[in-house]
């Protein structure tokens, strides 16, 4: 193995956004990720979204995954994959990119020392970013009127609690009723808050001129449902936001109407508390658990099966990390979406199922025989 692997890998990580611009020039920065079509799979097609994502800020820099093909790895694996080469070829590409090939041994040693210092700085920045991410999830859920942007999201009127009778809540109640999952105090009191106007942050315009990234224009504003995603100990670390059309009882007219801000891994939205009526982090009384990917699917169970706890994980990938090891979980019903013919979703389902089963509890999988999920069944949709 190459004697300069460490400085090549560290150097590529230190310049990860430039690496992505070189390898994936058709991609763009979205949040802390570089999002692009997969040139190896040639997967660009009408109706699809780019599925190759590389971490460029706030986390394990250089880590990447194609959510369509399942390919993943670190920054050197990214070079191997995109360049269609092996580790030897990836290192050669890295040397050229970083200008290492022309360096003297002394210069390489100096670079190695400098990269060690930068790695320590990156680790410290990553920890600060992680803590900030945790704070953002809580702050966006409990947003107060007049606050400045929260983690890059504008929510000028704040959020209103369930039962306050706000116009935003009335509008959201109409939305859920149209989905045949009317929310009540059991399902909504502890997990929903309502915003008359939250920025759909995917629509924001960013400017990198002058070497400093700043928001040049905010994304469009929509009424929204803010849902608390809680860790095993009840702490809100992520806010799930469902954007609604301002006039009709439908989702907002954007390509992705549900977004999450904060640390979602291992966090769930508690939609029903089962017979005990106690939060999952405050009781050891066992009860069956129903877990689903989306809120509407989970609500379809919450309004019909009072003897079960019901959680929504926000997305399929996060189900694997749900805290089903808690004493209050007797056994698990995994209410999966159908996603017929979707190979990516099937791989994610298998990972999610393995994660649930790893705790040694009984896991039963059910899929709706109508439509894509159980909410389609509740609505009577084909």
Protein backbone atom coordinates (compact mmCIF):
# COMPACT_ATOMS: atom_id res chain seq x y z
CA UNK A 1 0.00 0.00 0.00
CA UNK A 2 1.20 3.53 -0.77
CA UNK A 3 3.31 5.27 1.86
CA UNK A 4 1.53 8.53 1.19
CA UNK A 5 -2.04 7.20 1.47
CA UNK A 6 -2.62 9.13 4.70
CA UNK A 7 -1.72 12.53 3.29
CA UNK A 8 -3.61 11.87 0.04
CA UNK A 9 -6.79 10.87 1.85
CA UNK A 10 -6.51 13.73 4.31
CA UNK A 11 -5.75 16.19 1.52
CA UNK A 12 -8.78 15.09 -0.50
CA UNK A 13 -11.00 15.38 2.57
CA UNK A 14 -9.63 18.84 3.27
CA UNK A 15 -10.62 19.86 -0.27
CA UNK A 16 -13.72 17.71 -0.56
CA UNK A 17 -15.96 20.25 -2.25
CA UNK A 18 -13.32 20.85 -4.94
CA UNK A 19 -12.97 17.07 -5.34
CA UNK A 20 -16.72 16.83 -5.93
CA UNK A 21 -16.65 19.69 -8.41
CA UNK A 22 -13.95 17.83 -10.35
CA UNK A 23 -15.50 14.34 -10.19
CA UNK A 24 -19.20 15.31 -10.29
CA UNK A 25 -19.35 18.66 -12.11
CA UNK A 26 -23.10 18.42 -12.72
CA UNK A 27 -23.84 18.22 -8.98
CA UNK A 28 -24.45 20.97 -6.47
CA UNK A 29 -24.14 21.65 -2.75
CA UNK A 30 -27.37 21.08 -0.80
CA UNK A 31 -26.98 21.62 2.91
CA UNK A 32 -23.92 19.64 3.97
CA UNK A 33 -24.02 17.35 0.93
CA UNK A 34 -22.90 17.38 -2.68
CA UNK A 35 -25.85 15.93 -4.60
CA UNK A 36 -25.38 14.63 -8.13
CA UNK A 37 -26.54 12.16 -10.72
CA UNK A 38 -24.54 8.96 -10.79
CA UNK A 39 -22.34 9.03 -13.94
CA UNK A 40 -21.41 5.37 -13.47
CA UNK A 41 -25.04 4.22 -13.46
CA UNK A 42 -26.15 6.90 -15.93
CA UNK A 43 -29.29 7.16 -13.80
CA UNK A 44 -30.64 10.52 -14.89
CA UNK A 45 -34.25 10.14 -16.02
CA UNK A 46 -37.50 12.17 -16.02
CA UNK A 47 -39.23 12.15 -12.65
CA UNK A 48 -36.12 11.10 -10.75
CA UNK A 49 -34.01 13.03 -8.27
CA UNK A 50 -30.21 12.78 -8.03
CA UNK A 51 -29.31 9.96 -5.63
CA UNK A 52 -25.51 10.20 -5.26
CA UNK A 53 -24.69 12.20 -2.13
CA UNK A 54 -21.28 13.10 -0.71
CA UNK A 55 -20.78 14.64 2.72
CA UNK A 56 -18.92 17.94 2.26
CA UNK A 57 -19.70 19.63 5.60
CA UNK A 58 -20.76 18.77 9.13
CA UNK A 59 -19.94 15.12 9.57
CA UNK A 60 -17.82 12.34 8.09
CA UNK A 61 -16.36 14.39 5.25
CA UNK A 62 -15.94 12.46 2.00
CA UNK A 63 -18.35 9.71 3.03
CA UNK A 64 -20.76 9.06 0.19
CA UNK A 65 -23.58 6.84 -0.93
CA UNK A 66 -25.67 6.31 -4.04
CA UNK A 67 -29.17 5.70 -2.72
CA UNK A 68 -30.19 4.20 -6.03
CA UNK A 69 -27.40 1.68 -6.63
CA UNK A 70 -26.34 1.13 -3.01
CA UNK A 71 -22.67 1.93 -3.73
CA UNK A 72 -20.92 3.77 -0.86
CA UNK A 73 -17.55 4.40 0.75
CA UNK A 74 -14.99 7.03 1.74
CA UNK A 75 -13.33 9.68 -0.40
CA UNK A 76 -10.79 7.28 -1.97
CA UNK A 77 -13.59 4.84 -2.79
CA UNK A 78 -15.40 7.76 -4.44
CA UNK A 79 -12.41 8.39 -6.71
CA UNK A 80 -12.17 4.67 -7.49
CA UNK A 81 -15.87 4.49 -8.28
CA UNK A 82 -16.21 7.58 -10.45
CA UNK A 83 -12.87 7.09 -12.25
CA UNK A 84 -13.62 3.35 -12.71
CA UNK A 85 -10.23 2.42 -11.30
CA UNK A 86 -8.68 0.65 -8.28
CA UNK A 87 -6.99 1.98 -5.16
CA UNK A 88 -3.69 2.38 -7.03
CA UNK A 89 -5.41 4.49 -9.67
CA UNK A 90 -7.28 6.49 -7.02
CA UNK A 91 -4.04 7.34 -5.25
CA UNK A 92 -2.44 8.38 -8.54
CA UNK A 93 -5.43 10.65 -9.22
CA UNK A 94 -5.11 12.08 -5.71
CA UNK A 95 -1.41 12.82 -6.12
CA UNK A 96 -2.09 14.74 -9.31
CA UNK A 97 -5.05 16.59 -7.81
CA UNK A 98 -3.07 17.62 -4.72
CA UNK A 99 0.23 18.26 -6.51
CA UNK A 100 2.04 15.71 -4.35
CA UNK A 101 3.85 13.95 -7.18
CA UNK A 102 6.31 16.81 -7.63
CA UNK A 103 7.05 17.22 -3.91
CA UNK A 104 10.36 16.32 -2.26
CA UNK A 105 10.38 13.89 0.72
CA UNK A 106 10.84 16.85 3.07
CA UNK A 107 7.88 18.64 1.56
CA UNK A 108 5.76 15.51 1.91
CA UNK A 109 6.70 15.19 5.56
CA UNK A 110 5.80 18.81 6.14
CA UNK A 111 2.49 18.23 4.40
CA UNK A 112 1.84 15.18 6.59
CA UNK A 113 2.34 17.26 9.75
CA UNK A 114 0.08 20.01 8.42
CA UNK A 115 -2.62 17.49 7.50
CA UNK A 116 -2.51 16.03 11.03
CA UNK A 117 -3.21 19.49 12.43
CA UNK A 118 -6.04 20.04 9.95
CA UNK A 119 -7.54 16.63 10.82
CA UNK A 120 -7.71 17.65 14.46
CA UNK A 121 -9.37 20.90 13.44
CA UNK A 122 -11.87 19.01 11.29
CA UNK A 123 -12.73 16.70 14.17
CA UNK A 124 -13.33 19.69 16.44
CA UNK A 125 -15.49 21.40 13.81
CA UNK A 126 -17.46 18.19 13.28
CA UNK A 127 -18.22 17.94 16.99
CA UNK A 128 -19.34 21.57 17.14
CA UNK A 129 -21.51 21.01 14.08
CA UNK A 130 -23.05 17.89 15.63
CA UNK A 131 -23.99 19.77 18.79
CA UNK A 132 -25.38 22.66 16.76
CA UNK A 133 -27.42 20.21 14.69
CA UNK A 134 -28.99 18.82 17.85
CA UNK A 135 -29.91 22.32 19.00
CA UNK A 136 -31.44 23.23 15.64
CA UNK A 137 -33.92 20.34 15.71
CA UNK A 138 -35.29 21.42 19.08
CA UNK A 139 -35.28 25.13 18.23
CA UNK A 140 -37.15 24.67 14.93
CA UNK A 141 -39.83 22.54 16.58
CA UNK A 142 -40.36 25.07 19.40
CA UNK A 143 -39.78 28.12 17.17
CA UNK A 144 -40.80 31.41 18.74
CA UNK A 145 -42.24 34.42 16.91
CA UNK A 146 -39.68 36.93 15.80
CA UNK A 147 -36.68 34.61 15.96
CA UNK A 148 -33.98 34.89 13.34
CA UNK A 149 -33.32 32.00 11.01
CA UNK A 150 -32.97 28.68 12.81
CA UNK A 151 -30.29 26.56 11.21
CA UNK A 152 -30.83 28.40 7.94
CA UNK A 153 -34.63 28.11 8.12
CA UNK A 154 -36.90 31.17 8.42
CA UNK A 155 -40.01 30.71 10.59
CA UNK A 156 -41.01 34.30 11.45
CA UNK A 157 -44.29 33.59 13.28
CA UNK A 158 -42.99 30.63 15.26
CA UNK A 159 -44.96 27.45 15.89
CA UNK A 160 -48.18 26.98 17.87
CA UNK A 161 -48.94 24.07 20.15
CA UNK A 162 -51.66 21.51 19.54
CA UNK A 163 -55.01 22.70 20.83
CA UNK A 164 -54.22 26.42 20.69
CA UNK A 165 -56.76 26.84 17.88
CA UNK A 166 -54.36 28.69 15.59
CA UNK A 167 -55.21 29.16 11.94
CA UNK A 168 -52.20 27.01 11.07
CA UNK A 169 -53.58 24.17 13.20
CA UNK A 170 -57.05 24.42 11.63
CA UNK A 171 -55.49 24.25 8.18
CA UNK A 172 -53.40 21.23 9.19
CA UNK A 173 -56.45 19.51 10.68
CA UNK A 174 -58.14 19.84 7.28
CA UNK A 175 -55.10 18.32 5.62
CA UNK A 176 -55.03 15.28 7.91
CA UNK A 177 -58.81 14.84 7.67
CA UNK A 178 -58.50 14.78 3.88
CA UNK A 179 -55.94 11.98 4.31
CA UNK A 180 -58.51 10.06 6.42
CA UNK A 181 -56.28 10.31 9.52
CA UNK A 182 -57.83 13.06 11.66
CA UNK A 183 -55.49 13.96 14.49
CA UNK A 184 -56.66 14.32 18.08
CA UNK A 185 -55.00 14.93 21.42
CA UNK A 186 -53.82 11.32 21.64
CA UNK A 187 -51.93 11.48 18.36
CA UNK A 188 -50.99 15.12 18.19
CA UNK A 189 -50.61 16.78 21.55
CA UNK A 190 -47.00 15.83 22.16
CA UNK A 191 -45.59 15.61 18.66
CA UNK A 192 -47.19 18.31 16.48
CA UNK A 193 -46.84 22.07 16.40
CA UNK A 194 -48.17 24.28 13.63
CA UNK A 195 -46.58 27.12 11.70
CA UNK A 196 -48.41 29.67 9.54
CA UNK A 197 -45.24 30.21 7.51
CA UNK A 198 -42.04 28.16 7.34
CA UNK A 199 -39.40 28.53 4.66
CA UNK A 200 -39.11 25.61 2.26
CA UNK A 201 -35.34 25.74 2.56
CA UNK A 202 -34.59 23.58 -0.45
CA UNK A 203 -35.71 26.53 -2.54
CA UNK A 204 -33.20 28.97 -1.05
CA UNK A 205 -30.56 30.53 -3.29
CA UNK A 206 -26.98 30.49 -2.01
CA UNK A 207 -23.99 32.57 -3.06
CA UNK A 208 -20.34 31.57 -2.60
CA UNK A 209 -18.77 34.79 -3.87
CA UNK A 210 -15.97 36.25 -1.82
CA UNK A 211 -15.11 32.86 -0.36
CA UNK A 212 -18.01 32.96 2.09
CA UNK A 213 -21.28 31.12 1.60
CA UNK A 214 -24.41 33.10 2.37
CA UNK A 215 -28.11 32.91 1.58
CA UNK A 216 -28.86 35.29 -1.28
CA UNK A 217 -32.61 34.61 -1.30
CA UNK A 218 -34.92 32.65 0.95
CA UNK A 219 -37.02 29.77 -0.28
CA UNK A 220 -40.81 30.12 -0.60
CA UNK A 221 -42.92 30.20 2.57
CA UNK A 222 -45.70 27.71 3.32
CA UNK A 223 -47.90 26.77 6.27
CA UNK A 224 -46.39 23.70 7.87
CA UNK A 225 -46.70 20.94 10.43
CA UNK A 226 -43.62 20.69 12.65
CA UNK A 227 -43.24 17.22 14.16
CA UNK A 228 -40.94 16.40 17.08
CA UNK A 229 -38.46 13.60 16.45
CA UNK A 230 -37.25 12.33 19.83
CA UNK A 231 -34.36 10.14 20.89
CA UNK A 232 -34.68 7.24 23.35
CA UNK A 233 -34.53 9.70 26.26
CA UNK A 234 -37.27 12.00 24.94
CA UNK A 235 -34.98 14.78 23.76
CA UNK A 236 -36.05 16.47 20.51
CA UNK A 237 -33.05 16.35 18.18
CA UNK A 238 -34.78 16.73 14.82
CA UNK A 239 -37.78 18.59 13.45
CA UNK A 240 -39.77 16.93 10.65
CA UNK A 241 -41.58 19.56 8.58
CA UNK A 242 -44.56 18.83 6.32
CA UNK A 243 -45.21 21.78 4.01
CA UNK A 244 -48.84 22.43 3.09
CA UNK A 245 -50.52 24.20 0.22
CA UNK A 246 -51.69 27.59 1.58
CA UNK A 247 -55.19 27.21 0.11
CA UNK A 248 -56.14 23.57 -0.37
CA UNK A 249 -55.91 20.59 2.01
CA UNK A 250 -52.89 19.18 0.18
CA UNK A 251 -49.12 19.15 0.43
CA UNK A 252 -47.29 22.20 -0.87
CA UNK A 253 -46.63 22.25 -4.63
CA UNK A 254 -42.90 21.51 -4.35
CA UNK A 255 -40.86 18.47 -5.39
CA UNK A 256 -40.21 17.34 -1.80
CA UNK A 257 -42.91 18.51 0.63
CA UNK A 258 -41.40 16.83 3.70
CA UNK A 259 -38.00 17.84 5.04
CA UNK A 260 -36.06 17.26 8.26
CA UNK A 261 -33.69 19.54 10.14
CA UNK A 262 -31.46 18.34 12.97
CA UNK A 263 -30.16 14.91 13.95
CA UNK A 264 -32.70 12.32 12.83
CA UNK A 265 -30.66 9.15 13.38
CA UNK A 266 -32.35 7.10 16.07
CA UNK A 267 -35.13 9.65 16.60
CA UNK A 268 -38.83 8.90 16.08
CA UNK A 269 -42.15 10.74 16.03
CA UNK A 270 -44.41 9.35 18.75
CA UNK A 271 -47.99 9.33 17.41
CA UNK A 272 -49.67 7.04 19.95
CA UNK A 273 -48.65 5.94 23.44
CA UNK A 274 -50.61 2.71 23.79
CA UNK A 275 -52.66 1.62 26.85
CA UNK A 276 -50.37 3.25 29.43
CA UNK A 277 -50.72 6.68 27.89
CA UNK A 278 -47.11 7.35 28.88
CA UNK A 279 -44.28 8.47 26.67
CA UNK A 280 -41.89 5.75 25.54
CA UNK A 281 -39.02 7.35 27.48
CA UNK A 282 -41.04 7.46 30.72
CA UNK A 283 -42.38 3.92 31.11
CA UNK A 284 -41.30 0.27 31.03
CA UNK A 285 -44.84 -1.07 30.60
CA UNK A 286 -44.65 -3.29 27.50
CA UNK A 287 -46.99 -2.84 24.55
CA UNK A 288 -46.88 -3.70 20.84
CA UNK A 289 -45.16 -1.12 18.65
CA UNK A 290 -46.20 -0.14 15.14
CA UNK A 291 -43.43 1.64 13.25
CA UNK A 292 -43.74 3.15 9.78
CA UNK A 293 -41.76 5.39 7.51
CA UNK A 294 -44.20 8.28 7.09
CA UNK A 295 -46.49 10.20 9.41
CA UNK A 296 -49.72 9.52 7.49
CA UNK A 297 -49.04 5.77 7.37
CA UNK A 298 -48.33 5.72 11.10
CA UNK A 299 -51.43 7.81 11.82
CA UNK A 300 -53.54 5.24 9.98
CA UNK A 301 -52.62 2.84 12.79
CA UNK A 302 -52.71 5.40 15.61
CA UNK A 303 -56.37 6.22 14.99
CA UNK A 304 -57.42 2.56 14.67
CA UNK A 305 -55.27 0.51 17.08
CA UNK A 306 -55.33 2.13 20.55
CA UNK A 307 -53.55 -0.84 22.15
CA UNK A 308 -50.32 -0.12 20.30
CA UNK A 309 -47.57 2.43 20.47
CA UNK A 310 -47.11 4.04 17.08
CA UNK A 311 -43.98 5.73 15.76
CA UNK A 312 -43.00 7.32 12.46
CA UNK A 313 -39.28 7.25 11.63
CA UNK A 314 -39.30 10.02 9.03
CA UNK A 315 -37.73 7.90 6.34
CA UNK A 316 -37.07 4.25 5.61
CA UNK A 317 -33.36 4.37 6.36
CA UNK A 318 -33.93 5.70 9.88
CA UNK A 319 -36.14 2.77 10.90
CA UNK A 320 -33.05 0.62 11.41
CA UNK A 321 -31.95 2.91 14.27
CA UNK A 322 -35.31 3.24 16.07
CA UNK A 323 -34.99 2.58 19.86
CA UNK A 324 -37.02 -0.66 19.85
CA UNK A 325 -34.68 -2.06 22.52
CA UNK A 326 -36.61 -0.09 25.17
CA UNK A 327 -38.59 -2.14 27.74
CA UNK A 328 -41.87 -0.50 26.66
CA UNK A 329 -41.63 -2.23 23.26
CA UNK A 330 -43.08 -5.75 23.50
CA UNK A 331 -42.91 -6.67 19.82
CA UNK A 332 -42.86 -4.76 16.55
CA UNK A 333 -45.18 -4.45 13.57
CA UNK A 334 -43.20 -2.94 10.70
CA UNK A 335 -45.76 -1.25 8.43
CA UNK A 336 -43.74 -0.99 5.26
CA UNK A 337 -44.60 0.89 2.09
CA UNK A 338 -44.97 -1.24 -1.02
CA UNK A 339 -42.52 0.57 -3.34
CA UNK A 340 -43.14 -2.11 -5.94
CA UNK A 341 -40.22 -2.46 -8.37
CA UNK A 342 -38.03 0.01 -6.47
CA UNK A 343 -34.70 -1.76 -5.94
CA UNK A 344 -33.30 1.09 -3.84
CA UNK A 345 -36.27 0.98 -1.45
CA UNK A 346 -36.01 -2.81 -1.24
CA UNK A 347 -32.37 -2.57 -0.12
CA UNK A 348 -33.30 0.07 2.45
CA UNK A 349 -36.17 -2.11 3.67
CA UNK A 350 -33.82 -5.06 4.19
CA UNK A 351 -31.42 -2.86 6.18
CA UNK A 352 -34.29 -1.45 8.25
CA UNK A 353 -35.63 -4.92 8.99
CA UNK A 354 -32.20 -6.18 10.04
CA UNK A 355 -31.85 -3.20 12.39
CA UNK A 356 -35.21 -3.91 14.03
CA UNK A 357 -34.48 -7.63 14.37
CA UNK A 358 -31.04 -7.03 15.89
CA UNK A 359 -32.64 -6.39 19.30
CA UNK A 360 -34.01 -9.93 19.52
CA UNK A 361 -37.68 -8.98 19.62
CA UNK A 362 -40.40 -10.38 17.37
CA UNK A 363 -40.78 -8.31 14.21
CA UNK A 364 -43.80 -8.77 11.93
CA UNK A 365 -43.83 -7.09 8.51
CA UNK A 366 -47.07 -5.93 6.93
CA UNK A 367 -47.65 -4.08 3.66
CA UNK A 368 -50.93 -2.62 2.43
CA UNK A 369 -52.68 -4.57 -0.32
CA UNK A 370 -53.96 -1.25 -1.73
CA UNK A 371 -51.83 1.57 -3.12
CA UNK A 372 -48.35 2.40 -1.87
CA UNK A 373 -48.98 2.40 1.88
CA UNK A 374 -51.57 1.99 4.61
CA UNK A 375 -52.69 5.57 4.27
CA UNK A 376 -53.76 4.79 0.70
CA UNK A 377 -55.72 1.87 2.14
CA UNK A 378 -57.34 4.16 4.72
CA UNK A 379 -58.38 6.54 1.95
CA UNK A 380 -59.66 3.72 -0.24
CA UNK A 381 -57.22 4.60 -3.02
CA UNK A 382 -56.19 2.08 -5.65
